[in-house]
Amino acid sequence: MHLFLRIPFVPSSKRSIEEMIRHAALKGNETVYDLGSGDGRLLIDVKRQYPKTTVIGVEYVPTIWLLGKTRCLFARADIRYERGNALRRDVSDADIVFLYLLPPLMGRLEEKFDRELRPGTKVISNTFPFPQKKHVAVSEVQTRTGKKKVWVYEW
């Protein structure tokens, strides 16, 4: 069985997306990544609120990538939406990285970010924390399925 068939698609709630964008404290000229960008809703919201921001989504699962790519096209938003592996995508130019990925990937991404991210880069994770990195903020969001946490890190 291919790996992408075992990765569940669980979209972020509207409230979680709002909280993640709030924590990003965008000014409007940053480079923003969403690794595991799913259906592209977070990307579209960022681009609508901050049109001069460079927005890049990376999604591994082909069917979900197609869904997100289609949503971005219909939104007529200037978003670079790539199909690829988040662990292989160079993010050294990032100012903000958004994540909603499962715990087995978080440790591997933490090591990757230690190598690639510039000091001061913000990483905002929906639901799942990094295993070793100390967060600078955390907030709770009430969703239809219960309470979720948004974790904020600075590299």
C-alpha atoms as a PDB file:
ATOM      1  CA  MET A   1       0.000   0.000   0.000  1.00  0.00           C
ATOM      2  CA  HIS A   2       1.340   3.441  -0.918  1.00  0.00           C
ATOM      3  CA  LEU A   3       2.074   5.867   1.887  1.00  0.00           C
ATOM      4  CA  PHE A   4      -0.350   8.468   0.530  1.00  0.00           C
ATOM      5  CA  LEU A   5      -3.241   6.036   0.934  1.00  0.00           C
ATOM      6  CA  ARG A   6      -2.562   5.936   4.695  1.00  0.00           C
ATOM      7  CA  ILE A   7      -2.456   9.692   5.253  1.00  0.00           C
ATOM      8  CA  PRO A   8      -5.853  10.923   6.445  1.00  0.00           C
ATOM      9  CA  PHE A   9      -7.320  14.152   5.113  1.00  0.00           C
ATOM     10  CA  VAL A  10      -8.578  16.145   8.068  1.00  0.00           C
ATOM     11  CA  PRO A  11      -9.072  19.783   7.108  1.00  0.00           C
ATOM     12  CA  SER A  12      -8.418  22.540   9.618  1.00  0.00           C
ATOM     13  CA  SER A  13     -11.520  24.161  11.041  1.00  0.00           C
ATOM     14  CA  LYS A  14     -12.306  27.747  10.085  1.00  0.00           C
ATOM     15  CA  ARG A  15     -11.664  28.796  13.691  1.00  0.00           C
ATOM     16  CA  SER A  16      -8.254  27.041  13.739  1.00  0.00           C
ATOM     17  CA  ILE A  17      -7.275  28.746  10.481  1.00  0.00           C
ATOM     18  CA  GLU A  18      -8.254  32.145  11.893  1.00  0.00           C
ATOM     19  CA  GLU A  19      -6.230  31.495  15.054  1.00  0.00           C
ATOM     20  CA  MET A  20      -3.186  30.332  13.081  1.00  0.00           C
ATOM     21  CA  ILE A  21      -3.265  33.458  10.912  1.00  0.00           C
ATOM     22  CA  ARG A  22      -3.712  35.630  14.019  1.00  0.00           C
ATOM     23  CA  HIS A  23      -0.611  34.083  15.612  1.00  0.00           C
ATOM     24  CA  ALA A  24       1.381  34.640  12.419  1.00  0.00           C
ATOM     25  CA  ALA A  25       0.996  38.422  12.884  1.00  0.00           C
ATOM     26  CA  LEU A  26       1.621  38.939   9.184  1.00  0.00           C
ATOM     27  CA  LYS A  27       2.629  42.345   7.882  1.00  0.00           C
ATOM     28  CA  GLY A  28       1.878  41.513   4.262  1.00  0.00           C
ATOM     29  CA  ASN A  29       5.251  41.058   2.596  1.00  0.00           C
ATOM     30  CA  GLU A  30       6.395  37.698   4.001  1.00  0.00           C
ATOM     31  CA  THR A  31       7.026  34.321   2.406  1.00  0.00           C
ATOM     32  CA  VAL A  32       4.536  31.861   3.862  1.00  0.00           C
ATOM     33  CA  TYR A  33       4.507  28.067   3.515  1.00  0.00           C
ATOM     34  CA  ASP A  34       1.748  25.642   4.390  1.00  0.00           C
ATOM     35  CA  LEU A  35       3.223  22.144   4.551  1.00  0.00           C
ATOM     36  CA  GLY A  36       0.504  19.542   4.187  1.00  0.00           C
ATOM     37  CA  SER A  37      -1.713  22.252   2.752  1.00  0.00           C
ATOM     38  CA  GLY A  38      -4.701  20.009   2.076  1.00  0.00           C
ATOM     39  CA  ASP A  39      -7.597  21.779   0.407  1.00  0.00           C
ATOM     40  CA  GLY A  40      -5.789  25.135   0.303  1.00  0.00           C
ATOM     41  CA  ARG A  41      -8.218  27.085   2.512  1.00  0.00           C
ATOM     42  CA  LEU A  42      -5.507  28.504   4.776  1.00  0.00           C
ATOM     43  CA  LEU A  43      -3.478  29.588   1.741  1.00  0.00           C
ATOM     44  CA  ILE A  44      -6.479  31.322   0.201  1.00  0.00           C
ATOM     45  CA  ASP A  45      -7.331  33.126   3.459  1.00  0.00           C
ATOM     46  CA  VAL A  46      -3.745  34.363   3.861  1.00  0.00           C
ATOM     47  CA  LYS A  47      -3.583  35.598   0.261  1.00  0.00           C
ATOM     48  CA  ARG A  48      -6.947  37.392   0.510  1.00  0.00           C
ATOM     49  CA  GLN A  49      -5.939  39.167   3.717  1.00  0.00           C
ATOM     50  CA  TYR A  50      -2.354  39.882   2.648  1.00  0.00           C
ATOM     51  CA  PRO A  51      -2.239  40.080  -1.163  1.00  0.00           C
ATOM     52  CA  LYS A  52       1.475  40.998  -1.361  1.00  0.00           C
ATOM     53  CA  THR A  53       2.521  37.959   0.667  1.00  0.00           C
ATOM     54  CA  THR A  54       4.199  35.106  -1.224  1.00  0.00           C
ATOM     55  CA  VAL A  55       2.115  32.017  -0.455  1.00  0.00           C
ATOM     56  CA  ILE A  56       3.344  28.477  -1.135  1.00  0.00           C
ATOM     57  CA  GLY A  57       1.468  25.268  -0.381  1.00  0.00           C
ATOM     58  CA  VAL A  58       2.975  21.793  -0.415  1.00  0.00           C
ATOM     59  CA  GLU A  59       0.733  18.713  -0.462  1.00  0.00           C
ATOM     60  CA  TYR A  60       1.851  15.090  -0.842  1.00  0.00           C
ATOM     61  CA  VAL A  61      -1.394  13.205  -1.535  1.00  0.00           C
ATOM     62  CA  PRO A  62      -2.259  13.501  -5.265  1.00  0.00           C
ATOM     63  CA  THR A  63      -6.053  13.623  -4.859  1.00  0.00           C
ATOM     64  CA  ILE A  64      -5.893  16.177  -2.055  1.00  0.00           C
ATOM     65  CA  TRP A  65      -3.315  18.208  -4.002  1.00  0.00           C
ATOM     66  CA  LEU A  66      -5.748  18.284  -6.951  1.00  0.00           C
ATOM     67  CA  LEU A  67      -8.546  19.475  -4.662  1.00  0.00           C
ATOM     68  CA  GLY A  68      -6.362  22.234  -3.216  1.00  0.00           C
ATOM     69  CA  LYS A  69      -4.958  23.260  -6.592  1.00  0.00           C
ATOM     70  CA  THR A  70      -8.495  23.518  -7.981  1.00  0.00           C
ATOM     71  CA  ARG A  71      -9.673  25.610  -5.007  1.00  0.00           C
ATOM     72  CA  CYS A  72      -6.724  27.980  -5.428  1.00  0.00           C
ATOM     73  CA  LEU A  73      -7.428  28.355  -9.155  1.00  0.00           C
ATOM     74  CA  PHE A  74     -11.125  29.073  -8.567  1.00  0.00           C
ATOM     75  CA  ALA A  75     -10.203  31.598  -5.865  1.00  0.00           C
ATOM     76  CA  ARG A  76      -8.102  33.384  -8.507  1.00  0.00           C
ATOM     77  CA  ALA A  77      -5.395  33.769  -5.919  1.00  0.00           C
ATOM     78  CA  ASP A  78      -1.712  34.009  -6.808  1.00  0.00           C
ATOM     79  CA  ILE A  79      -0.684  30.926  -4.832  1.00  0.00           C
ATOM     80  CA  ARG A  80       2.101  28.514  -5.674  1.00  0.00           C
ATOM     81  CA  TYR A  81       0.550  25.134  -4.879  1.00  0.00           C
ATOM     82  CA  GLU A  82       3.039  22.288  -5.260  1.00  0.00           C
ATOM     83  CA  ARG A  83       2.697  18.553  -5.088  1.00  0.00           C
ATOM     84  CA  GLY A  84       5.599  17.248  -3.082  1.00  0.00           C
ATOM     85  CA  ASN A  85       7.032  15.930   0.134  1.00  0.00           C
ATOM     86  CA  ALA A  86       7.209  18.456   2.983  1.00  0.00           C
ATOM     87  CA  LEU A  87      10.372  16.775   4.258  1.00  0.00           C
ATOM     88  CA  ARG A  88      12.134  17.408   0.950  1.00  0.00           C
ATOM     89  CA  ARG A  89      10.892  20.937   0.224  1.00  0.00           C
ATOM     90  CA  ASP A  90      13.490  23.612   0.944  1.00  0.00           C
ATOM     91  CA  VAL A  91      11.871  26.210   3.197  1.00  0.00           C
ATOM     92  CA  SER A  92      14.981  28.258   3.993  1.00  0.00           C
ATOM     93  CA  ASP A  93      13.331  31.396   2.563  1.00  0.00           C
ATOM     94  CA  ALA A  94      10.278  31.086   4.854  1.00  0.00           C
ATOM     95  CA  ASP A  95       9.174  33.790   7.240  1.00  0.00           C
ATOM     96  CA  ILE A  96       6.158  31.758   8.422  1.00  0.00           C
ATOM     97  CA  VAL A  97       5.463  28.023   8.174  1.00  0.00           C
ATOM     98  CA  PHE A  98       2.007  26.615   8.874  1.00  0.00           C
ATOM     99  CA  LEU A  99       1.528  22.919   9.670  1.00  0.00           C
ATOM    100  CA  TYR A 100      -1.248  20.454  10.377  1.00  0.00           C
ATOM    101  CA  LEU A 101       0.658  17.197  10.206  1.00  0.00           C
ATOM    102  CA  LEU A 102       0.671  14.004  12.256  1.00  0.00           C
ATOM    103  CA  PRO A 103       3.064  13.433  15.194  1.00  0.00           C
ATOM    104  CA  PRO A 104       5.395  10.998  13.359  1.00  0.00           C
ATOM    105  CA  LEU A 105       6.335  13.838  10.980  1.00  0.00           C
ATOM    106  CA  MET A 106       6.751  16.514  13.637  1.00  0.00           C
ATOM    107  CA  GLY A 107      10.086  15.206  14.966  1.00  0.00           C
ATOM    108  CA  ARG A 108      11.504  14.876  11.478  1.00  0.00           C
ATOM    109  CA  LEU A 109      10.344  18.386  10.577  1.00  0.00           C
ATOM    110  CA  GLU A 110      11.843  19.762  13.784  1.00  0.00           C
ATOM    111  CA  GLU A 111      15.263  18.443  12.708  1.00  0.00           C
ATOM    112  CA  LYS A 112      14.748  19.796   9.177  1.00  0.00           C
ATOM    113  CA  PHE A 113      13.769  23.230  10.497  1.00  0.00           C
ATOM    114  CA  ASP A 114      16.840  23.297  12.774  1.00  0.00           C
ATOM    115  CA  ARG A 115      18.949  22.918   9.622  1.00  0.00           C
ATOM    116  CA  GLU A 116      17.006  25.191   7.254  1.00  0.00           C
ATOM    117  CA  LEU A 117      15.085  27.957   8.974  1.00  0.00           C
ATOM    118  CA  ARG A 118      16.564  31.373   9.600  1.00  0.00           C
ATOM    119  CA  PRO A 119      16.524  32.741  13.149  1.00  0.00           C
ATOM    120  CA  GLY A 120      13.179  34.389  13.847  1.00  0.00           C
ATOM    121  CA  THR A 121      11.143  32.221  11.465  1.00  0.00           C
ATOM    122  CA  LYS A 122       7.752  31.467  12.978  1.00  0.00           C
ATOM    123  CA  VAL A 123       6.234  27.990  12.777  1.00  0.00           C
ATOM    124  CA  ILE A 124       2.571  27.554  13.658  1.00  0.00           C
ATOM    125  CA  SER A 125       1.187  24.054  14.126  1.00  0.00           C
ATOM    126  CA  ASN A 126      -2.448  23.076  14.315  1.00  0.00           C
ATOM    127  CA  THR A 127      -3.090  20.438  17.010  1.00  0.00           C
ATOM    128  CA  PHE A 128       0.299  18.698  17.196  1.00  0.00           C
ATOM    129  CA  PRO A 129       3.388  20.061  18.990  1.00  0.00           C
ATOM    130  CA  PHE A 130       7.019  19.384  18.202  1.00  0.00           C
ATOM    131  CA  PRO A 131       8.543  16.721  20.468  1.00  0.00           C
ATOM    132  CA  GLN A 132      11.595  18.740  21.641  1.00  0.00           C
ATOM    133  CA  LYS A 133      11.172  22.391  20.641  1.00  0.00           C
ATOM    134  CA  LYS A 134       9.814  24.762  23.274  1.00  0.00           C
ATOM    135  CA  HIS A 135       6.782  26.720  22.094  1.00  0.00           C
ATOM    136  CA  VAL A 136       6.542  30.503  22.527  1.00  0.00           C
ATOM    137  CA  ALA A 137       2.737  30.509  22.645  1.00  0.00           C
ATOM    138  CA  VAL A 138      -0.183  28.112  22.613  1.00  0.00           C
ATOM    139  CA  SER A 139      -3.887  28.795  22.390  1.00  0.00           C
ATOM    140  CA  GLU A 140      -7.024  26.681  22.505  1.00  0.00           C
ATOM    141  CA  VAL A 141      -9.693  26.747  19.833  1.00  0.00           C
ATOM    142  CA  GLN A 142     -13.179  25.343  20.237  1.00  0.00           C
ATOM    143  CA  THR A 143     -14.243  23.440  17.119  1.00  0.00           C
ATOM    144  CA  ARG A 144     -17.240  21.278  16.284  1.00  0.00           C
ATOM    145  CA  THR A 145     -15.187  18.205  17.144  1.00  0.00           C
ATOM    146  CA  GLY A 146     -13.807  19.542  20.423  1.00  0.00           C
ATOM    147  CA  LYS A 147     -10.948  21.688  21.621  1.00  0.00           C
ATOM    148  CA  LYS A 148      -7.809  21.954  19.513  1.00  0.00           C
ATOM    149  CA  LYS A 149      -4.532  23.683  20.259  1.00  0.00           C
ATOM    150  CA  VAL A 150      -2.519  25.996  18.054  1.00  0.00           C
ATOM    151  CA  TRP A 151       1.190  25.835  18.855  1.00  0.00           C
ATOM    152  CA  VAL A 152       3.542  28.718  17.995  1.00  0.00           C
ATOM    153  CA  TYR A 153       7.305  28.311  17.704  1.00  0.00           C
ATOM    154  CA  GLU A 154      10.146  30.611  16.777  1.00  0.00           C
ATOM    155  CA  TRP A 155      13.388  29.350  15.314  1.00  0.00           C
END
